[in-house]
Amino acid sequence: MEPSQPPQDPQQPRQGWPAPEPSNPMGPQAGSPYNPGPYGPYAPYGPGAGLGPGPYGAAPQPTTNGMAIASLVSGIVCCLPPLGLIFGLIALPQIKKKNQTGKGLAVAGIVLSSISCLLMVLGLVTGGFGEMWKGFKEGMDEAAKSKSAFSLRKGECFEVDGKLEAYTTDVEIVDCAKPHDGEVVGGFKVTGFDKWPGEDPIDKLAEERCAEISSAYAMDSWAIPEHVWDYYYIPSRQSWRTGDRSVTCTLAVEDGEPLKGSLRADESTLDPHQLTYLQNLNRVENAVFEEPDEDADEDFAANKAWAARVHTSIVEAGKGLRGHHWSGTSAQPVAELGKDLDAAAKQWDKLARSADADAYWEMYDVAFEALPADLGADARAALGLARDAEDSESA
């Protein structure tokens, strides 16, 4: 406890403490409050001074032998049992000679090391050590296949432990020829946000961008089974803090039969004829799918604009097909498809020029009926492409 009043001149007794009685030649016992000395009743230097026997304070505490600690650690680490045994045998005489602690640690290290050495010898004799190493190697191989969803690469197929979720920590890469849950079609980095924007803005961005990436990766859309959907993995709030900005886009199965075989159909897998055909017909398919949510009665202008875009895509598709040299069995069905597209373009042009909503509805069904529903099934078959989703499921 600190004195109630501040100390005075260090050469003088503290106020409030009487000086030694002059009648006593020896004075009160040193260190008592009645004989504070030049520095008062408290020791002037550091811990231990004046608090224990002897003129320099308490006796030093015994230390723990370092070899004993090393022996225990080496005994616990199964790959270092001989060292643990040696350290323990060295530690015991040192502890006795230097009056140190740690005898129990050394003994425990010797016992553990002896057991580990015995097990190693038995493993080598019986071949168990080889089996253990084989299992360790297999475990490392499996661990190498387990990756974060954000580290997956374009073209890799994977399985997920459990159902697909908005976030996943581990997926297993598998051969695309084997049954799998999904296939990575690409990805992108989120930009434009200085801080965590929340899930909704990233989710909206991922939905739009991943649809484009998926269409470019799997151009043969008729080969995609009906139970396969665009799926994506987005950063979480926690991973965002560590610098994660990756969105991984996939084609995945949430329910139903797993995928077998790759869905990839792009410049790396298609021949020039297949590529030309899909580039032109996908333009039409994508335009049709962009129909406004509000019908013509609610937003007539938006629907007219959409019909105009579909008309343009049909005209461009027809030109693209006629501008390519088709050979073999595909030439005739592609030519027939071109004629169907020309006829459909006229009806969609009328739909886009409708004077009002009533006129629009009169032309709506006519325009759709003029457009080939299968977008050229015969031409697809001649080119070796899927004619419908059933072809991919039965493959």
Protein backbone atom coordinates (compact mmCIF):
# COMPACT_ATOMS: atom_id res chain seq x y z
CA MET A 1 0.00 0.00 0.00
CA GLU A 2 1.27 3.46 -0.88
CA PRO A 3 1.81 5.95 2.05
CA SER A 4 -0.97 8.43 2.67
CA GLN A 5 1.37 11.37 2.08
CA PRO A 6 3.99 11.91 -0.66
CA PRO A 7 7.65 11.16 0.20
CA GLN A 8 9.88 13.99 1.16
CA ASP A 9 13.56 14.50 0.49
CA PRO A 10 15.04 10.97 0.03
CA GLN A 11 17.70 11.82 2.56
CA GLN A 12 15.07 12.50 5.19
CA PRO A 13 12.49 10.20 6.83
CA ARG A 14 9.00 10.31 5.34
CA GLN A 15 6.58 12.58 7.13
CA GLY A 16 4.45 10.83 9.66
CA TRP A 17 7.13 8.26 10.61
CA PRO A 18 9.01 9.02 13.89
CA ALA A 19 12.80 8.83 13.94
CA PRO A 20 14.55 6.17 16.11
CA GLU A 21 14.60 6.81 19.82
CA PRO A 22 18.07 8.18 20.71
CA SER A 23 18.06 6.35 24.01
CA ASN A 24 18.33 2.99 22.21
CA PRO A 25 21.89 2.63 20.87
CA MET A 26 20.90 -0.14 18.44
CA GLY A 27 17.62 1.45 17.45
CA PRO A 28 14.55 -0.45 16.38
CA GLN A 29 14.92 -3.48 14.12
CA ALA A 30 16.10 -2.55 10.64
CA GLY A 31 13.35 -2.40 8.07
CA SER A 32 10.63 -1.62 10.61
CA PRO A 33 8.56 1.53 10.20
CA TYR A 34 10.48 3.00 13.10
CA ASN A 35 13.79 2.75 11.23
CA PRO A 36 13.02 3.68 7.64
CA GLY A 37 16.59 4.45 6.69
CA PRO A 38 17.46 7.00 4.05
CA TYR A 39 14.83 5.66 1.59
CA GLY A 40 11.89 5.23 3.93
CA PRO A 41 10.22 1.99 4.98
CA TYR A 42 10.16 0.46 1.43
CA ALA A 43 12.92 -1.29 -0.51
CA PRO A 44 14.42 1.09 -3.08
CA TYR A 45 15.32 -1.38 -5.84
CA GLY A 46 13.16 -3.81 -7.67
CA PRO A 47 11.50 -7.09 -6.68
CA GLY A 48 12.91 -9.14 -3.85
CA ALA A 49 15.11 -6.48 -2.31
CA GLY A 50 14.73 -6.58 1.48
CA LEU A 51 11.87 -9.12 1.28
CA GLY A 52 13.63 -12.40 2.02
CA PRO A 53 16.53 -13.87 3.96
CA GLY A 54 20.01 -12.63 3.35
CA PRO A 55 21.19 -9.15 2.51
CA TYR A 56 20.11 -9.42 -1.20
CA GLY A 57 16.60 -10.74 -0.80
CA ALA A 58 14.96 -14.09 -1.68
CA ALA A 59 16.92 -17.11 -2.95
CA PRO A 60 16.61 -17.81 -6.73
CA GLN A 61 13.89 -20.26 -7.84
CA PRO A 62 14.99 -23.50 -9.54
CA THR A 63 14.59 -23.55 -13.34
CA THR A 64 13.09 -26.23 -15.57
CA ASN A 65 15.61 -28.25 -17.54
CA GLY A 66 15.41 -27.51 -21.27
CA MET A 67 16.41 -31.04 -22.27
CA ALA A 68 13.45 -32.41 -20.30
CA ILE A 69 11.07 -30.19 -22.23
CA ALA A 70 12.67 -31.22 -25.53
CA SER A 71 12.37 -34.88 -24.55
CA LEU A 72 8.62 -34.60 -23.92
CA VAL A 73 7.98 -32.67 -27.15
CA SER A 74 10.03 -35.15 -29.19
CA GLY A 75 8.21 -38.05 -27.56
CA ILE A 76 4.83 -36.59 -28.49
CA VAL A 77 5.89 -35.98 -32.10
CA CYS A 78 5.78 -39.55 -33.40
CA CYS A 79 8.38 -38.99 -36.12
CA LEU A 80 11.10 -37.99 -33.58
CA PRO A 81 11.06 -40.77 -30.93
CA PRO A 82 14.85 -41.47 -30.92
CA LEU A 83 15.59 -37.81 -30.15
CA GLY A 84 13.08 -37.82 -27.31
CA LEU A 85 14.80 -40.84 -25.75
CA ILE A 86 18.26 -39.23 -26.04
CA PHE A 87 17.11 -35.86 -24.67
CA GLY A 88 15.44 -37.54 -21.70
CA LEU A 89 18.54 -39.58 -20.77
CA ILE A 90 20.68 -36.43 -20.94
CA ALA A 91 18.19 -34.41 -18.89
CA LEU A 92 18.02 -36.70 -15.82
CA PRO A 93 21.65 -36.27 -14.62
CA GLN A 94 21.55 -32.56 -15.47
CA ILE A 95 18.47 -32.08 -13.30
CA LYS A 96 20.12 -33.75 -10.32
CA LYS A 97 23.43 -31.92 -10.72
CA LYS A 98 21.96 -28.44 -11.24
CA ASN A 99 19.08 -28.87 -8.79
CA GLN A 100 16.54 -28.19 -11.59
CA THR A 101 12.93 -29.23 -12.10
CA GLY A 102 11.56 -31.26 -15.03
CA LYS A 103 12.25 -34.83 -13.92
CA GLY A 104 8.63 -35.77 -14.64
CA LEU A 105 8.83 -34.23 -18.12
CA ALA A 106 12.02 -36.16 -18.89
CA VAL A 107 10.56 -39.46 -17.65
CA ALA A 108 7.39 -38.93 -19.68
CA GLY A 109 9.46 -38.11 -22.77
CA ILE A 110 11.54 -41.28 -22.31
CA VAL A 111 8.43 -43.45 -21.93
CA LEU A 112 6.64 -41.95 -24.95
CA SER A 113 9.77 -42.13 -27.09
CA SER A 114 10.36 -45.75 -26.11
CA ILE A 115 6.80 -46.69 -27.08
CA SER A 116 7.08 -44.82 -30.40
CA CYS A 117 10.40 -46.53 -31.18
CA LEU A 118 8.87 -49.93 -30.45
CA LEU A 119 5.88 -49.20 -32.70
CA MET A 120 8.18 -48.08 -35.52
CA VAL A 121 10.18 -51.29 -35.29
CA LEU A 122 7.00 -53.38 -35.32
CA GLY A 123 5.67 -51.39 -38.28
CA LEU A 124 8.83 -51.96 -40.29
CA VAL A 125 8.87 -55.68 -39.48
CA THR A 126 5.19 -56.31 -40.24
CA GLY A 127 4.85 -53.92 -43.18
CA GLY A 128 2.35 -51.76 -41.34
CA PHE A 129 4.53 -48.70 -41.81
CA GLY A 130 4.25 -49.08 -45.57
CA GLU A 131 0.47 -49.28 -45.35
CA MET A 132 0.40 -46.21 -43.14
CA TRP A 133 2.49 -44.25 -45.64
CA LYS A 134 0.24 -45.40 -48.47
CA GLY A 135 -2.82 -44.21 -46.56
CA PHE A 136 -1.11 -40.90 -45.80
CA LYS A 137 -0.29 -40.42 -49.49
CA GLU A 138 -3.87 -41.24 -50.52
CA GLY A 139 -5.14 -38.74 -47.96
CA MET A 140 -2.87 -36.05 -49.39
CA ASP A 141 -4.12 -36.84 -52.89
CA GLU A 142 -7.72 -36.48 -51.74
CA ALA A 143 -6.90 -33.22 -49.99
CA ALA A 144 -5.36 -31.92 -53.22
CA LYS A 145 -8.68 -32.54 -54.98
CA SER A 146 -10.63 -30.63 -52.35
CA LYS A 147 -10.71 -26.97 -53.13
CA SER A 148 -12.57 -23.86 -52.27
CA ALA A 149 -15.28 -23.11 -54.81
CA PHE A 150 -13.49 -19.86 -55.51
CA SER A 151 -10.37 -21.70 -56.65
CA LEU A 152 -12.15 -23.83 -59.27
CA ARG A 153 -11.08 -23.34 -62.84
CA LYS A 154 -13.07 -23.11 -66.05
CA GLY A 155 -13.82 -26.56 -67.44
CA GLU A 156 -13.45 -28.45 -64.13
CA CYS A 157 -16.26 -30.73 -62.98
CA PHE A 158 -16.99 -31.14 -59.29
CA GLU A 159 -19.08 -32.77 -56.61
CA VAL A 160 -20.48 -31.01 -53.55
CA ASP A 161 -20.83 -32.57 -50.12
CA GLY A 162 -24.57 -32.17 -49.60
CA LYS A 163 -26.87 -29.83 -51.49
CA LEU A 164 -25.74 -26.77 -53.39
CA GLU A 165 -25.72 -23.70 -51.17
CA ALA A 166 -25.12 -20.01 -51.59
CA TYR A 167 -21.71 -20.50 -49.99
CA THR A 168 -19.55 -23.58 -49.99
CA THR A 169 -16.13 -24.21 -48.52
CA ASP A 170 -15.09 -27.44 -50.13
CA VAL A 171 -15.85 -29.21 -53.36
CA GLU A 172 -14.20 -32.25 -54.87
CA ILE A 173 -12.85 -32.11 -58.40
CA VAL A 174 -13.78 -35.17 -60.47
CA ASP A 175 -13.35 -36.39 -64.01
CA CYS A 176 -16.13 -34.95 -66.16
CA ALA A 177 -16.72 -38.43 -67.56
CA LYS A 178 -17.84 -39.56 -64.10
CA PRO A 179 -21.14 -38.52 -62.46
CA HIS A 180 -20.85 -35.03 -61.00
CA ASP A 181 -22.95 -32.17 -59.62
CA GLY A 182 -21.65 -29.29 -61.67
CA GLU A 183 -19.21 -27.89 -64.18
CA VAL A 184 -17.40 -24.56 -63.97
CA VAL A 185 -18.14 -22.34 -66.97
CA GLY A 186 -16.04 -19.35 -65.88
CA GLY A 187 -16.10 -16.47 -63.45
CA PHE A 188 -15.34 -12.82 -62.87
CA LYS A 189 -14.18 -10.33 -60.24
CA VAL A 190 -16.61 -8.00 -58.47
CA THR A 191 -15.62 -4.35 -58.90
CA GLY A 192 -17.11 -0.96 -58.17
CA PHE A 193 -17.62 -1.40 -54.40
CA ASP A 194 -15.37 0.19 -51.80
CA LYS A 195 -16.89 -1.88 -48.99
CA TRP A 196 -19.09 -4.95 -48.54
CA PRO A 197 -22.25 -4.11 -50.55
CA GLY A 198 -24.41 -6.93 -49.20
CA GLU A 199 -25.56 -10.11 -50.89
CA ASP A 200 -28.34 -8.67 -53.06
CA PRO A 201 -26.21 -6.40 -55.32
CA ILE A 202 -23.63 -9.16 -55.85
CA ASP A 203 -26.36 -11.73 -56.46
CA LYS A 204 -27.99 -9.55 -59.10
CA LEU A 205 -24.65 -8.93 -60.80
CA ALA A 206 -23.78 -12.64 -60.71
CA GLU A 207 -27.13 -13.61 -62.21
CA GLU A 208 -26.59 -11.38 -65.24
CA ARG A 209 -22.90 -12.01 -65.82
CA CYS A 210 -23.02 -15.76 -65.23
CA ALA A 211 -25.88 -16.16 -67.73
CA GLU A 212 -23.66 -14.54 -70.39
CA ILE A 213 -20.64 -16.62 -69.41
CA SER A 214 -22.69 -19.81 -69.42
CA SER A 215 -24.11 -19.08 -72.89
CA ALA A 216 -20.62 -18.56 -74.29
CA TYR A 217 -19.32 -21.77 -72.65
CA ALA A 218 -22.22 -24.11 -73.50
CA MET A 219 -23.33 -22.74 -76.88
CA ASP A 220 -25.28 -25.90 -77.73
CA SER A 221 -28.11 -25.00 -75.36
CA TRP A 222 -30.24 -27.89 -76.58
CA ALA A 223 -27.62 -30.25 -75.11
CA ILE A 224 -28.21 -28.92 -71.58
CA PRO A 225 -30.61 -31.17 -69.62
CA GLU A 226 -33.76 -29.50 -68.34
CA HIS A 227 -32.81 -30.04 -64.68
CA VAL A 228 -29.49 -28.18 -65.07
CA TRP A 229 -29.41 -24.52 -64.12
CA ASP A 230 -27.03 -21.60 -64.00
CA TYR A 231 -25.53 -21.59 -60.51
CA TYR A 232 -22.90 -19.36 -58.99
CA TYR A 233 -20.82 -18.96 -55.84
CA ILE A 234 -20.40 -15.43 -54.49
CA PRO A 235 -18.14 -13.99 -51.79
CA SER A 236 -19.42 -14.01 -48.23
CA ARG A 237 -19.10 -11.07 -45.85
CA GLN A 238 -16.23 -12.90 -44.12
CA SER A 239 -14.30 -13.77 -47.30
CA TRP A 240 -14.81 -10.22 -48.61
CA ARG A 241 -12.81 -8.93 -45.62
CA THR A 242 -9.87 -11.06 -46.70
CA GLY A 243 -9.91 -9.64 -50.23
CA ASP A 244 -12.11 -12.21 -51.96
CA ARG A 245 -13.95 -10.69 -54.95
CA SER A 246 -14.43 -13.83 -57.05
CA VAL A 247 -17.72 -15.07 -58.46
CA THR A 248 -17.58 -18.63 -59.83
CA CYS A 249 -20.18 -19.45 -62.48
CA THR A 250 -21.31 -23.05 -63.00
CA LEU A 251 -23.90 -25.23 -64.63
CA ALA A 252 -25.15 -27.46 -61.84
CA VAL A 253 -27.76 -29.99 -60.80
CA GLU A 254 -29.69 -29.20 -57.62
CA ASP A 255 -32.13 -32.11 -57.87
CA GLY A 256 -32.24 -35.04 -60.24
CA GLU A 257 -29.72 -37.25 -61.97
CA PRO A 258 -26.09 -36.12 -61.79
CA LEU A 259 -24.32 -34.93 -64.90
CA LYS A 260 -22.11 -37.22 -66.93
CA GLY A 261 -19.85 -35.79 -69.57
CA SER A 262 -18.89 -32.19 -70.23
CA LEU A 263 -21.41 -29.60 -71.37
CA ARG A 264 -18.69 -27.48 -72.95
CA ALA A 265 -19.47 -26.40 -76.50
CA ASP A 266 -17.38 -23.42 -77.62
CA GLU A 267 -14.49 -22.59 -79.93
CA SER A 268 -12.34 -25.22 -78.23
CA THR A 269 -14.71 -28.12 -78.94
CA LEU A 270 -16.82 -27.18 -82.00
CA ASP A 271 -15.91 -27.42 -85.69
CA PRO A 272 -16.37 -24.32 -87.92
CA HIS A 273 -19.79 -25.45 -89.21
CA GLN A 274 -21.17 -26.13 -85.73
CA LEU A 275 -19.77 -22.86 -84.42
CA THR A 276 -21.28 -20.77 -87.26
CA TYR A 277 -24.66 -22.42 -86.85
CA LEU A 278 -24.85 -21.89 -83.08
CA GLN A 279 -23.57 -18.32 -83.20
CA ASN A 280 -26.43 -17.35 -85.53
CA LEU A 281 -29.29 -19.38 -84.05
CA ASN A 282 -28.37 -18.56 -80.45
CA ARG A 283 -28.77 -14.90 -81.35
CA VAL A 284 -32.44 -15.57 -82.10
CA GLU A 285 -32.97 -17.76 -79.06
CA ASN A 286 -31.46 -15.19 -76.69
CA ALA A 287 -33.59 -12.37 -78.16
CA VAL A 288 -36.80 -14.36 -77.71
CA PHE A 289 -35.95 -15.10 -74.06
CA GLU A 290 -35.63 -11.36 -73.34
CA GLU A 291 -39.40 -10.79 -73.57
CA PRO A 292 -40.50 -8.12 -71.02
CA ASP A 293 -42.20 -9.23 -67.82
CA GLU A 294 -45.03 -6.74 -68.39
CA ASP A 295 -47.34 -7.61 -71.28
CA ALA A 296 -48.37 -5.25 -74.08
CA ASP A 297 -51.37 -3.92 -72.14
CA GLU A 298 -49.09 -2.80 -69.30
CA ASP A 299 -46.06 -1.62 -71.31
CA PHE A 300 -46.80 -1.46 -75.01
CA ALA A 301 -43.59 0.40 -75.92
CA ALA A 302 -41.32 -2.16 -74.24
CA ASN A 303 -43.02 -5.05 -76.02
CA LYS A 304 -42.79 -3.32 -79.42
CA ALA A 305 -39.08 -2.72 -78.83
CA TRP A 306 -38.59 -6.37 -77.89
CA ALA A 307 -40.39 -7.56 -81.05
CA ALA A 308 -38.10 -5.32 -83.09
CA ARG A 309 -35.02 -6.87 -81.49
CA VAL A 310 -36.28 -10.37 -82.25
CA HIS A 311 -36.94 -9.34 -85.87
CA THR A 312 -33.39 -8.00 -86.18
CA SER A 313 -31.87 -11.19 -84.72
CA ILE A 314 -33.82 -13.35 -87.20
CA VAL A 315 -32.68 -11.26 -90.16
CA GLU A 316 -29.04 -11.39 -89.01
CA ALA A 317 -29.22 -15.15 -88.41
CA GLY A 318 -30.51 -15.72 -91.94
CA LYS A 319 -27.70 -13.65 -93.41
CA GLY A 320 -25.12 -15.49 -91.29
CA LEU A 321 -26.33 -18.89 -92.47
CA ARG A 322 -26.34 -17.86 -96.14
CA GLY A 323 -22.87 -16.35 -95.85
CA HIS A 324 -21.27 -19.64 -94.79
CA HIS A 325 -20.32 -22.49 -97.12
CA TRP A 326 -22.08 -25.63 -95.90
CA SER A 327 -20.85 -29.00 -97.03
CA GLY A 328 -22.10 -32.53 -96.85
CA THR A 329 -25.47 -33.49 -95.44
CA SER A 330 -25.92 -30.21 -93.57
CA ALA A 331 -26.24 -28.00 -96.68
CA GLN A 332 -29.87 -28.84 -97.54
CA PRO A 333 -31.41 -28.64 -94.03
CA VAL A 334 -29.56 -25.39 -93.33
CA ALA A 335 -30.91 -23.91 -96.58
CA GLU A 336 -34.46 -24.92 -95.60
CA LEU A 337 -33.98 -23.33 -92.19
CA GLY A 338 -32.86 -20.11 -93.87
CA LYS A 339 -36.15 -19.94 -95.80
CA ASP A 340 -38.15 -20.49 -92.58
CA LEU A 341 -36.25 -17.66 -90.93
CA ASP A 342 -37.01 -15.29 -93.80
CA ALA A 343 -40.71 -16.03 -93.50
CA ALA A 344 -40.62 -15.58 -89.71
CA ALA A 345 -38.81 -12.25 -90.05
CA LYS A 346 -41.75 -10.77 -91.99
CA GLN A 347 -44.25 -11.67 -89.26
CA TRP A 348 -42.04 -10.31 -86.47
CA ASP A 349 -41.62 -7.08 -88.41
CA LYS A 350 -45.43 -6.71 -88.50
CA LEU A 351 -45.57 -7.41 -84.74
CA ALA A 352 -42.99 -4.71 -84.10
CA ARG A 353 -45.02 -2.22 -86.16
CA SER A 354 -48.33 -2.80 -84.33
CA ALA A 355 -50.33 0.40 -83.89
CA ASP A 356 -51.70 -0.46 -80.46
CA ALA A 357 -51.95 -3.26 -77.89
CA ASP A 358 -54.97 -4.87 -79.60
CA ALA A 359 -53.14 -5.09 -82.92
CA TYR A 360 -50.11 -6.41 -81.10
CA TRP A 361 -52.06 -9.31 -79.60
CA GLU A 362 -53.51 -10.17 -83.02
CA MET A 363 -50.02 -10.61 -84.47
CA TYR A 364 -48.37 -12.12 -81.37
CA ASP A 365 -49.31 -15.79 -81.95
CA VAL A 366 -48.81 -15.48 -85.72
CA ALA A 367 -45.22 -14.31 -85.20
CA PHE A 368 -44.39 -17.13 -82.78
CA GLU A 369 -45.93 -19.78 -85.03
CA ALA A 370 -43.85 -18.57 -87.97
CA LEU A 371 -40.63 -19.04 -86.01
CA PRO A 372 -39.31 -22.64 -86.23
CA ALA A 373 -40.06 -24.07 -82.79
CA ASP A 374 -37.01 -26.33 -82.81
CA LEU A 375 -34.79 -23.72 -84.52
CA GLY A 376 -33.73 -26.27 -87.10
CA ALA A 377 -33.82 -29.80 -85.65
CA ASP A 378 -32.85 -31.40 -88.97
CA ALA A 379 -29.91 -29.03 -89.43
CA ARG A 380 -28.77 -29.71 -85.88
CA ALA A 381 -28.86 -33.45 -86.45
CA ALA A 382 -26.87 -33.13 -89.68
CA LEU A 383 -24.23 -31.07 -87.89
CA GLY A 384 -23.95 -33.50 -84.98
CA LEU A 385 -25.58 -31.15 -82.48
CA ALA A 386 -28.32 -31.99 -80.00
CA ARG A 387 -31.84 -31.62 -81.40
CA ASP A 388 -33.43 -31.19 -77.95
CA ALA A 389 -32.67 -31.67 -74.28
CA GLU A 390 -33.73 -35.32 -74.41
CA ASP A 391 -30.75 -36.04 -76.65
CA SER A 392 -28.34 -34.90 -73.93
CA GLU A 393 -30.12 -36.85 -71.18
CA SER A 394 -30.06 -40.07 -73.18
CA ALA A 395 -26.46 -39.70 -74.28
